[in-house]
Amino acid sequence: MIDGYILTDIQGFTQTFLSEYGLMTLIYTKEQGQPLLTYYLDYDNGQLLKLPDFRRGILGAPYASIPPEFPNYRIFQAHGDHKGHFSRHPNQMTYFYRRDDWDTVQRVHQFMELLTDHVVYDAPAGNPYNYQFPATSIWRVFVIITLHNHDEWLNLGGDQWIPMTDVERRDGPVQPELPHHTWTPQPFDRLGVVDYVPHQAVTVFEEPYGESNGEIENGATLEIRGRIIDDQQLVWYQIGPNTYINARYTHLLPTETI
């Protein structure tokens, strides 16, 4: 055995001596190192910007990882060693990106009263939904985004955004909030697993588009009890009392394994 090499062929091998001298050739190839996995994520929502890259190389060979460019995004953070050598242990590199026109992102716990009716958007300066939030209603604010043009946007839970205009901050929901949507899960008994990003956890919610109810590690087994399909045709799975996960981050197990 030669360290770092794998025996792939033997030439001239015989079980009997045909002559006084013989020649046998052992052919080795260099051992392949474990792969380098590279992930590209939106820093603010955890979504993959492309499928992970999978690179392999000869054991001990150097590698260098360079973050690619994505339209409307800029590199924000990098976790892992972007340079190294292929070894017998897998390596991982994660690049985090932020939207190019997002200047600052503040995660807050505030309440805002709407002074006028507000159109609701799917993202800052994004596409409008076909509903509005009425004046005098008070909403919990989770994130405040400032764009490069100095416009400010408020996140009111999930993918619901309004511009920070005609609003006033309140100490709390001192007035009754709008009756929220009453969700009625359909029966749906299945087993599944969290299909997110290796070594990271996905957020679960008290209800669709509601407040966070914790995190679940990638690969964890889920006992799905119900299913909700909202008015945007997005699917949510109920995995416990007041606990929902977006179906895009789950993988249903075949029924024969249940």
C-alpha atoms as a PDB file:
ATOM      1  CA  MET A   1       0.000   0.000   0.000  1.00  0.00           C
ATOM      2  CA  ILE A   2       1.278   3.440  -0.935  1.00  0.00           C
ATOM      3  CA  ASP A   3      -0.232   6.321   0.989  1.00  0.00           C
ATOM      4  CA  GLY A   4      -2.264   8.595  -1.259  1.00  0.00           C
ATOM      5  CA  TYR A   5      -2.484   6.050  -4.091  1.00  0.00           C
ATOM      6  CA  ILE A   6      -4.913   3.296  -5.049  1.00  0.00           C
ATOM      7  CA  LEU A   7      -3.920   0.055  -6.744  1.00  0.00           C
ATOM      8  CA  THR A   8      -5.896  -0.133  -9.991  1.00  0.00           C
ATOM      9  CA  ASP A   9      -4.224  -2.899 -12.043  1.00  0.00           C
ATOM     10  CA  ILE A  10      -1.657  -5.695 -11.946  1.00  0.00           C
ATOM     11  CA  GLN A  11       0.152  -6.719 -15.145  1.00  0.00           C
ATOM     12  CA  GLY A  12       2.206  -9.883 -15.539  1.00  0.00           C
ATOM     13  CA  PHE A  13       0.659 -11.731 -12.597  1.00  0.00           C
ATOM     14  CA  THR A  14       0.846 -15.554 -12.821  1.00  0.00           C
ATOM     15  CA  GLN A  15       0.304 -18.383 -10.367  1.00  0.00           C
ATOM     16  CA  THR A  16       3.141 -20.514 -11.786  1.00  0.00           C
ATOM     17  CA  PHE A  17       6.785 -19.757 -12.618  1.00  0.00           C
ATOM     18  CA  LEU A  18       7.141 -19.843 -16.380  1.00  0.00           C
ATOM     19  CA  SER A  19      10.829 -18.876 -16.438  1.00  0.00           C
ATOM     20  CA  GLU A  20      13.687 -18.128 -14.101  1.00  0.00           C
ATOM     21  CA  TYR A  21      12.881 -14.436 -14.146  1.00  0.00           C
ATOM     22  CA  GLY A  22       9.489 -12.753 -14.362  1.00  0.00           C
ATOM     23  CA  LEU A  23       8.170  -9.222 -14.401  1.00  0.00           C
ATOM     24  CA  MET A  24       5.018  -8.086 -12.642  1.00  0.00           C
ATOM     25  CA  THR A  25       3.863  -4.462 -12.830  1.00  0.00           C
ATOM     26  CA  LEU A  26       1.615  -2.844 -10.242  1.00  0.00           C
ATOM     27  CA  ILE A  27      -0.242   0.224 -11.519  1.00  0.00           C
ATOM     28  CA  TYR A  28      -1.418   2.887  -9.067  1.00  0.00           C
ATOM     29  CA  THR A  29      -3.459   6.048  -9.496  1.00  0.00           C
ATOM     30  CA  LYS A  30      -3.616   8.989  -7.141  1.00  0.00           C
ATOM     31  CA  GLU A  31      -6.442   8.845  -4.607  1.00  0.00           C
ATOM     32  CA  GLN A  32      -9.365  11.219  -5.059  1.00  0.00           C
ATOM     33  CA  GLY A  33      -9.957  13.613  -2.185  1.00  0.00           C
ATOM     34  CA  GLN A  34     -13.334  14.224  -0.559  1.00  0.00           C
ATOM     35  CA  PRO A  35     -15.505  16.853  -2.300  1.00  0.00           C
ATOM     36  CA  LEU A  36     -15.799  20.579  -1.765  1.00  0.00           C
ATOM     37  CA  LEU A  37     -19.453  21.630  -1.459  1.00  0.00           C
ATOM     38  CA  THR A  38     -20.237  25.287  -2.098  1.00  0.00           C
ATOM     39  CA  TYR A  39     -23.593  26.896  -1.281  1.00  0.00           C
ATOM     40  CA  TYR A  40     -24.950  30.260  -2.453  1.00  0.00           C
ATOM     41  CA  LEU A  41     -27.637  31.729  -0.196  1.00  0.00           C
ATOM     42  CA  ASP A  42     -29.702  34.872   0.137  1.00  0.00           C
ATOM     43  CA  TYR A  43     -28.509  36.112   3.543  1.00  0.00           C
ATOM     44  CA  ASP A  44     -31.858  37.610   4.539  1.00  0.00           C
ATOM     45  CA  ASN A  45     -34.247  34.766   3.676  1.00  0.00           C
ATOM     46  CA  GLY A  46     -31.980  31.714   3.458  1.00  0.00           C
ATOM     47  CA  GLN A  47     -33.054  30.755  -0.059  1.00  0.00           C
ATOM     48  CA  LEU A  48     -30.620  29.089  -2.432  1.00  0.00           C
ATOM     49  CA  LEU A  49     -29.626  31.306  -5.353  1.00  0.00           C
ATOM     50  CA  LYS A  50     -28.455  28.267  -7.351  1.00  0.00           C
ATOM     51  CA  LEU A  51     -27.870  24.587  -6.817  1.00  0.00           C
ATOM     52  CA  PRO A  52     -24.765  23.817  -4.721  1.00  0.00           C
ATOM     53  CA  ASP A  53     -21.487  23.256  -6.541  1.00  0.00           C
ATOM     54  CA  PHE A  54     -19.788  19.873  -6.122  1.00  0.00           C
ATOM     55  CA  ARG A  55     -16.047  19.769  -6.841  1.00  0.00           C
ATOM     56  CA  ARG A  56     -13.595  16.900  -6.500  1.00  0.00           C
ATOM     57  CA  GLY A  57      -9.864  16.711  -6.967  1.00  0.00           C
ATOM     58  CA  ILE A  58      -6.788  14.602  -6.403  1.00  0.00           C
ATOM     59  CA  LEU A  59      -5.880  14.098  -2.748  1.00  0.00           C
ATOM     60  CA  GLY A  60      -3.615  16.976  -1.704  1.00  0.00           C
ATOM     61  CA  ALA A  61      -4.363  19.072  -4.802  1.00  0.00           C
ATOM     62  CA  PRO A  62      -5.071  22.751  -4.095  1.00  0.00           C
ATOM     63  CA  TYR A  63      -8.435  24.367  -4.661  1.00  0.00           C
ATOM     64  CA  ALA A  64      -9.624  27.968  -4.700  1.00  0.00           C
ATOM     65  CA  SER A  65     -13.269  29.025  -4.528  1.00  0.00           C
ATOM     66  CA  ILE A  66     -14.360  32.308  -6.097  1.00  0.00           C
ATOM     67  CA  PRO A  67     -17.902  33.594  -5.464  1.00  0.00           C
ATOM     68  CA  PRO A  68     -19.850  34.052  -8.705  1.00  0.00           C
ATOM     69  CA  GLU A  69     -21.939  37.094  -9.463  1.00  0.00           C
ATOM     70  CA  PHE A  70     -25.740  36.976  -9.396  1.00  0.00           C
ATOM     71  CA  PRO A  71     -27.985  39.586 -11.025  1.00  0.00           C
ATOM     72  CA  ASN A  72     -29.314  42.106  -8.464  1.00  0.00           C
ATOM     73  CA  TYR A  73     -27.163  40.654  -5.648  1.00  0.00           C
ATOM     74  CA  ARG A  74     -23.828  41.443  -4.035  1.00  0.00           C
ATOM     75  CA  ILE A  75     -21.605  39.221  -1.905  1.00  0.00           C
ATOM     76  CA  PHE A  76     -22.205  39.907   1.777  1.00  0.00           C
ATOM     77  CA  GLN A  77     -20.479  37.203   3.848  1.00  0.00           C
ATOM     78  CA  ALA A  78     -18.461  34.045   3.335  1.00  0.00           C
ATOM     79  CA  HIS A  79     -18.140  31.104   5.727  1.00  0.00           C
ATOM     80  CA  GLY A  80     -15.461  28.478   5.261  1.00  0.00           C
ATOM     81  CA  ASP A  81     -11.996  28.262   3.724  1.00  0.00           C
ATOM     82  CA  HIS A  82     -12.087  29.549   0.170  1.00  0.00           C
ATOM     83  CA  LYS A  83      -8.570  28.147  -0.359  1.00  0.00           C
ATOM     84  CA  GLY A  84      -7.241  24.787   0.711  1.00  0.00           C
ATOM     85  CA  HIS A  85      -6.335  21.271  -0.390  1.00  0.00           C
ATOM     86  CA  PHE A  86      -8.521  18.288  -1.124  1.00  0.00           C
ATOM     87  CA  SER A  87      -8.265  15.895   1.807  1.00  0.00           C
ATOM     88  CA  ARG A  88      -9.931  12.789   3.172  1.00  0.00           C
ATOM     89  CA  HIS A  89     -12.530  14.971   4.856  1.00  0.00           C
ATOM     90  CA  PRO A  90     -15.254  16.878   2.953  1.00  0.00           C
ATOM     91  CA  ASN A  91     -14.999  20.662   2.876  1.00  0.00           C
ATOM     92  CA  GLN A  92     -17.828  23.191   2.757  1.00  0.00           C
ATOM     93  CA  MET A  93     -17.967  26.804   1.645  1.00  0.00           C
ATOM     94  CA  THR A  94     -21.045  29.021   2.006  1.00  0.00           C
ATOM     95  CA  TYR A  95     -21.411  32.381   0.307  1.00  0.00           C
ATOM     96  CA  PHE A  96     -24.123  34.735   1.526  1.00  0.00           C
ATOM     97  CA  TYR A  97     -25.516  37.408  -0.764  1.00  0.00           C
ATOM     98  CA  ARG A  98     -27.702  40.439  -0.149  1.00  0.00           C
ATOM     99  CA  ARG A  99     -29.932  42.199  -2.657  1.00  0.00           C
ATOM    100  CA  ASP A 100     -27.962  44.845  -4.445  1.00  0.00           C
ATOM    101  CA  ASP A 101     -30.361  47.723  -3.723  1.00  0.00           C
ATOM    102  CA  TRP A 102     -30.698  46.907  -0.001  1.00  0.00           C
ATOM    103  CA  ASP A 103     -28.525  49.308   1.967  1.00  0.00           C
ATOM    104  CA  THR A 104     -29.333  48.389   5.597  1.00  0.00           C
ATOM    105  CA  VAL A 105     -31.407  45.641   7.211  1.00  0.00           C
ATOM    106  CA  GLN A 106     -32.680  46.085  10.777  1.00  0.00           C
ATOM    107  CA  ARG A 107     -34.431  43.247  12.596  1.00  0.00           C
ATOM    108  CA  VAL A 108     -36.804  44.919  15.058  1.00  0.00           C
ATOM    109  CA  HIS A 109     -39.722  44.313  17.387  1.00  0.00           C
ATOM    110  CA  GLN A 110     -41.946  47.325  16.800  1.00  0.00           C
ATOM    111  CA  PHE A 111     -45.567  48.191  16.198  1.00  0.00           C
ATOM    112  CA  MET A 112     -46.806  50.618  13.565  1.00  0.00           C
ATOM    113  CA  GLU A 113     -50.237  52.138  13.045  1.00  0.00           C
ATOM    114  CA  LEU A 114     -51.262  52.710   9.442  1.00  0.00           C
ATOM    115  CA  LEU A 115     -52.613  56.232   8.928  1.00  0.00           C
ATOM    116  CA  THR A 116     -53.930  55.419   5.439  1.00  0.00           C
ATOM    117  CA  ASP A 117     -54.822  52.288   3.502  1.00  0.00           C
ATOM    118  CA  HIS A 118     -51.651  50.548   2.375  1.00  0.00           C
ATOM    119  CA  VAL A 119     -51.059  48.330  -0.618  1.00  0.00           C
ATOM    120  CA  VAL A 120     -49.085  45.233   0.405  1.00  0.00           C
ATOM    121  CA  TYR A 121     -46.105  44.045  -1.671  1.00  0.00           C
ATOM    122  CA  ASP A 122     -44.258  40.736  -1.951  1.00  0.00           C
ATOM    123  CA  ALA A 123     -40.854  42.454  -1.492  1.00  0.00           C
ATOM    124  CA  PRO A 124     -39.444  45.963  -1.018  1.00  0.00           C
ATOM    125  CA  ALA A 125     -40.329  47.820  -4.250  1.00  0.00           C
ATOM    126  CA  GLY A 126     -41.763  44.513  -5.433  1.00  0.00           C
ATOM    127  CA  ASN A 127     -45.072  43.359  -6.882  1.00  0.00           C
ATOM    128  CA  PRO A 128     -48.366  44.307  -5.184  1.00  0.00           C
ATOM    129  CA  TYR A 129     -50.829  41.763  -3.832  1.00  0.00           C
ATOM    130  CA  ASN A 130     -54.518  42.104  -4.593  1.00  0.00           C
ATOM    131  CA  TYR A 131     -55.359  43.235  -1.055  1.00  0.00           C
ATOM    132  CA  GLN A 132     -54.655  46.191   1.241  1.00  0.00           C
ATOM    133  CA  PHE A 133     -54.232  46.776   4.965  1.00  0.00           C
ATOM    134  CA  PRO A 134     -56.686  49.437   6.174  1.00  0.00           C
ATOM    135  CA  ALA A 135     -56.023  52.683   7.985  1.00  0.00           C
ATOM    136  CA  THR A 136     -56.008  52.662  11.839  1.00  0.00           C
ATOM    137  CA  SER A 137     -54.842  49.032  11.948  1.00  0.00           C
ATOM    138  CA  ILE A 138     -51.729  48.292  14.022  1.00  0.00           C
ATOM    139  CA  TRP A 139     -49.131  45.800  12.857  1.00  0.00           C
ATOM    140  CA  ARG A 140     -46.055  44.147  14.261  1.00  0.00           C
ATOM    141  CA  VAL A 141     -42.911  45.087  12.307  1.00  0.00           C
ATOM    142  CA  PHE A 142     -40.193  42.439  11.997  1.00  0.00           C
ATOM    143  CA  VAL A 143     -37.674  44.034   9.621  1.00  0.00           C
ATOM    144  CA  ILE A 144     -36.950  47.540   8.340  1.00  0.00           C
ATOM    145  CA  ILE A 145     -35.139  47.739   4.997  1.00  0.00           C
ATOM    146  CA  THR A 146     -33.475  50.905   3.691  1.00  0.00           C
ATOM    147  CA  LEU A 147     -32.814  50.919  -0.042  1.00  0.00           C
ATOM    148  CA  HIS A 148     -29.978  52.754  -1.768  1.00  0.00           C
ATOM    149  CA  ASN A 149     -32.440  55.465  -2.810  1.00  0.00           C
ATOM    150  CA  HIS A 150     -33.210  55.961   0.936  1.00  0.00           C
ATOM    151  CA  ASP A 151     -36.735  54.529   0.686  1.00  0.00           C
ATOM    152  CA  GLU A 152     -37.664  52.522   3.775  1.00  0.00           C
ATOM    153  CA  TRP A 153     -39.816  49.401   3.789  1.00  0.00           C
ATOM    154  CA  LEU A 154     -41.475  47.515   6.647  1.00  0.00           C
ATOM    155  CA  ASN A 155     -41.856  43.743   6.845  1.00  0.00           C
ATOM    156  CA  LEU A 156     -45.134  42.758   8.512  1.00  0.00           C
ATOM    157  CA  GLY A 157     -44.530  39.015   8.546  1.00  0.00           C
ATOM    158  CA  GLY A 158     -43.746  36.535   5.781  1.00  0.00           C
ATOM    159  CA  ASP A 159     -43.522  38.100   2.330  1.00  0.00           C
ATOM    160  CA  GLN A 160     -45.655  41.112   3.257  1.00  0.00           C
ATOM    161  CA  TRP A 161     -44.035  44.545   2.848  1.00  0.00           C
ATOM    162  CA  ILE A 162     -45.315  48.117   2.896  1.00  0.00           C
ATOM    163  CA  PRO A 163     -43.463  51.413   2.364  1.00  0.00           C
ATOM    164  CA  MET A 164     -42.635  53.287   5.561  1.00  0.00           C
ATOM    165  CA  THR A 165     -44.920  56.207   4.732  1.00  0.00           C
ATOM    166  CA  ASP A 166     -48.085  57.386   6.505  1.00  0.00           C
ATOM    167  CA  VAL A 167     -47.331  55.277   9.569  1.00  0.00           C
ATOM    168  CA  GLU A 168     -46.772  56.075  13.241  1.00  0.00           C
ATOM    169  CA  ARG A 169     -44.929  53.997  15.779  1.00  0.00           C
ATOM    170  CA  ARG A 170     -46.919  52.627  18.701  1.00  0.00           C
ATOM    171  CA  ASP A 171     -45.777  51.037  21.948  1.00  0.00           C
ATOM    172  CA  GLY A 172     -47.889  47.987  21.295  1.00  0.00           C
ATOM    173  CA  PRO A 173     -51.156  46.752  19.868  1.00  0.00           C
ATOM    174  CA  VAL A 174     -53.187  49.105  22.031  1.00  0.00           C
ATOM    175  CA  GLN A 175     -56.030  48.957  19.495  1.00  0.00           C
ATOM    176  CA  PRO A 176     -57.538  45.693  18.298  1.00  0.00           C
ATOM    177  CA  GLU A 177     -55.655  44.403  15.318  1.00  0.00           C
ATOM    178  CA  LEU A 178     -57.418  43.203  12.208  1.00  0.00           C
ATOM    179  CA  PRO A 179     -58.866  39.740  12.612  1.00  0.00           C
ATOM    180  CA  HIS A 180     -56.214  37.553  11.107  1.00  0.00           C
ATOM    181  CA  HIS A 181     -56.883  34.788   8.668  1.00  0.00           C
ATOM    182  CA  THR A 182     -58.380  31.703  10.294  1.00  0.00           C
ATOM    183  CA  TRP A 183     -56.493  28.747   8.901  1.00  0.00           C
ATOM    184  CA  THR A 184     -58.185  25.341   8.761  1.00  0.00           C
ATOM    185  CA  PRO A 185     -55.666  22.611   7.942  1.00  0.00           C
ATOM    186  CA  GLN A 186     -56.810  19.752   5.729  1.00  0.00           C
ATOM    187  CA  PRO A 187     -56.058  16.257   7.060  1.00  0.00           C
ATOM    188  CA  PHE A 188     -52.702  15.154   5.700  1.00  0.00           C
ATOM    189  CA  ASP A 189     -50.886  12.331   7.526  1.00  0.00           C
ATOM    190  CA  ARG A 190     -47.400  11.807   6.120  1.00  0.00           C
ATOM    191  CA  LEU A 191     -43.807  11.570   7.209  1.00  0.00           C
ATOM    192  CA  GLY A 192     -41.211  13.918   5.786  1.00  0.00           C
ATOM    193  CA  VAL A 193     -37.773  15.370   6.393  1.00  0.00           C
ATOM    194  CA  VAL A 194     -36.463  18.923   6.445  1.00  0.00           C
ATOM    195  CA  ASP A 195     -34.824  19.587   3.057  1.00  0.00           C
ATOM    196  CA  TYR A 196     -32.916  22.828   3.618  1.00  0.00           C
ATOM    197  CA  VAL A 197     -29.173  23.488   3.743  1.00  0.00           C
ATOM    198  CA  PRO A 198     -26.762  21.022   5.406  1.00  0.00           C
ATOM    199  CA  HIS A 199     -25.785  21.983   8.952  1.00  0.00           C
ATOM    200  CA  GLN A 200     -28.356  24.806   9.043  1.00  0.00           C
ATOM    201  CA  ALA A 201     -31.858  25.140  10.472  1.00  0.00           C
ATOM    202  CA  VAL A 202     -35.087  26.335   8.851  1.00  0.00           C
ATOM    203  CA  THR A 203     -37.558  28.624  10.631  1.00  0.00           C
ATOM    204  CA  VAL A 204     -41.031  27.339  11.491  1.00  0.00           C
ATOM    205  CA  PHE A 205     -44.025  29.529  12.286  1.00  0.00           C
ATOM    206  CA  GLU A 206     -47.018  29.646  14.606  1.00  0.00           C
ATOM    207  CA  GLU A 207     -49.209  29.936  11.508  1.00  0.00           C
ATOM    208  CA  PRO A 208     -48.644  30.634   7.807  1.00  0.00           C
ATOM    209  CA  TYR A 209     -47.014  34.085   7.523  1.00  0.00           C
ATOM    210  CA  GLY A 210     -47.105  34.351  11.311  1.00  0.00           C
ATOM    211  CA  GLU A 211     -44.484  34.735  14.010  1.00  0.00           C
ATOM    212  CA  SER A 212     -41.494  32.464  14.316  1.00  0.00           C
ATOM    213  CA  ASN A 213     -41.984  29.387  16.473  1.00  0.00           C
ATOM    214  CA  GLY A 214     -38.397  28.162  16.475  1.00  0.00           C
ATOM    215  CA  GLU A 215     -36.055  26.362  14.092  1.00  0.00           C
ATOM    216  CA  ILE A 216     -35.605  22.765  12.937  1.00  0.00           C
ATOM    217  CA  GLU A 217     -32.297  21.306  11.765  1.00  0.00           C
ATOM    218  CA  ASN A 218     -31.868  20.139   8.196  1.00  0.00           C
ATOM    219  CA  GLY A 219     -32.567  16.408   7.852  1.00  0.00           C
ATOM    220  CA  ALA A 220     -34.873  16.210  10.880  1.00  0.00           C
ATOM    221  CA  THR A 221     -37.873  13.875  10.557  1.00  0.00           C
ATOM    222  CA  LEU A 222     -41.291  15.540  10.442  1.00  0.00           C
ATOM    223  CA  GLU A 223     -44.659  14.064  11.394  1.00  0.00           C
ATOM    224  CA  ILE A 224     -47.045  16.020   9.186  1.00  0.00           C
ATOM    225  CA  ARG A 225     -50.565  16.303  10.582  1.00  0.00           C
ATOM    226  CA  GLY A 226     -52.246  18.713   8.205  1.00  0.00           C
ATOM    227  CA  ARG A 227     -51.842  20.817   5.094  1.00  0.00           C
ATOM    228  CA  ILE A 228     -52.851  24.362   4.160  1.00  0.00           C
ATOM    229  CA  ILE A 229     -52.875  25.788   0.626  1.00  0.00           C
ATOM    230  CA  ASP A 230     -53.121  29.563   0.919  1.00  0.00           C
ATOM    231  CA  ASP A 231     -54.629  32.040  -1.531  1.00  0.00           C
ATOM    232  CA  GLN A 232     -51.218  32.364  -3.221  1.00  0.00           C
ATOM    233  CA  GLN A 233     -51.248  28.572  -3.854  1.00  0.00           C
ATOM    234  CA  LEU A 234     -48.332  28.101  -1.450  1.00  0.00           C
ATOM    235  CA  VAL A 235     -48.398  24.930   0.629  1.00  0.00           C
ATOM    236  CA  TRP A 236     -47.789  24.828   4.385  1.00  0.00           C
ATOM    237  CA  TYR A 237     -47.516  21.674   6.503  1.00  0.00           C
ATOM    238  CA  GLN A 238     -48.724  21.497  10.103  1.00  0.00           C
ATOM    239  CA  ILE A 239     -46.117  19.583  12.101  1.00  0.00           C
ATOM    240  CA  GLY A 240     -47.392  20.280  15.611  1.00  0.00           C
ATOM    241  CA  PRO A 241     -49.768  22.449  17.622  1.00  0.00           C
ATOM    242  CA  ASN A 242     -49.367  25.982  16.280  1.00  0.00           C
ATOM    243  CA  THR A 243     -46.322  24.915  14.264  1.00  0.00           C
ATOM    244  CA  TYR A 244     -46.146  25.201  10.470  1.00  0.00           C
ATOM    245  CA  ILE A 245     -43.348  24.814   7.925  1.00  0.00           C
ATOM    246  CA  ASN A 246     -43.275  25.955   4.311  1.00  0.00           C
ATOM    247  CA  ALA A 247     -43.572  22.914   2.053  1.00  0.00           C
ATOM    248  CA  ARG A 248     -40.675  24.101  -0.129  1.00  0.00           C
ATOM    249  CA  TYR A 249     -38.317  23.158   2.711  1.00  0.00           C
ATOM    250  CA  THR A 250     -39.670  19.623   3.164  1.00  0.00           C
ATOM    251  CA  HIS A 251     -39.338  16.320   1.372  1.00  0.00           C
ATOM    252  CA  LEU A 252     -42.176  13.835   1.723  1.00  0.00           C
ATOM    253  CA  LEU A 253     -41.125  10.247   2.359  1.00  0.00           C
ATOM    254  CA  PRO A 254     -42.644   7.524   0.160  1.00  0.00           C
ATOM    255  CA  THR A 255     -45.861   6.164   1.613  1.00  0.00           C
ATOM    256  CA  GLU A 256     -44.496   2.622   1.705  1.00  0.00           C
ATOM    257  CA  THR A 257     -41.972   3.760   4.338  1.00  0.00           C
ATOM    258  CA  ILE A 258     -44.737   5.000   6.700  1.00  0.00           C
END
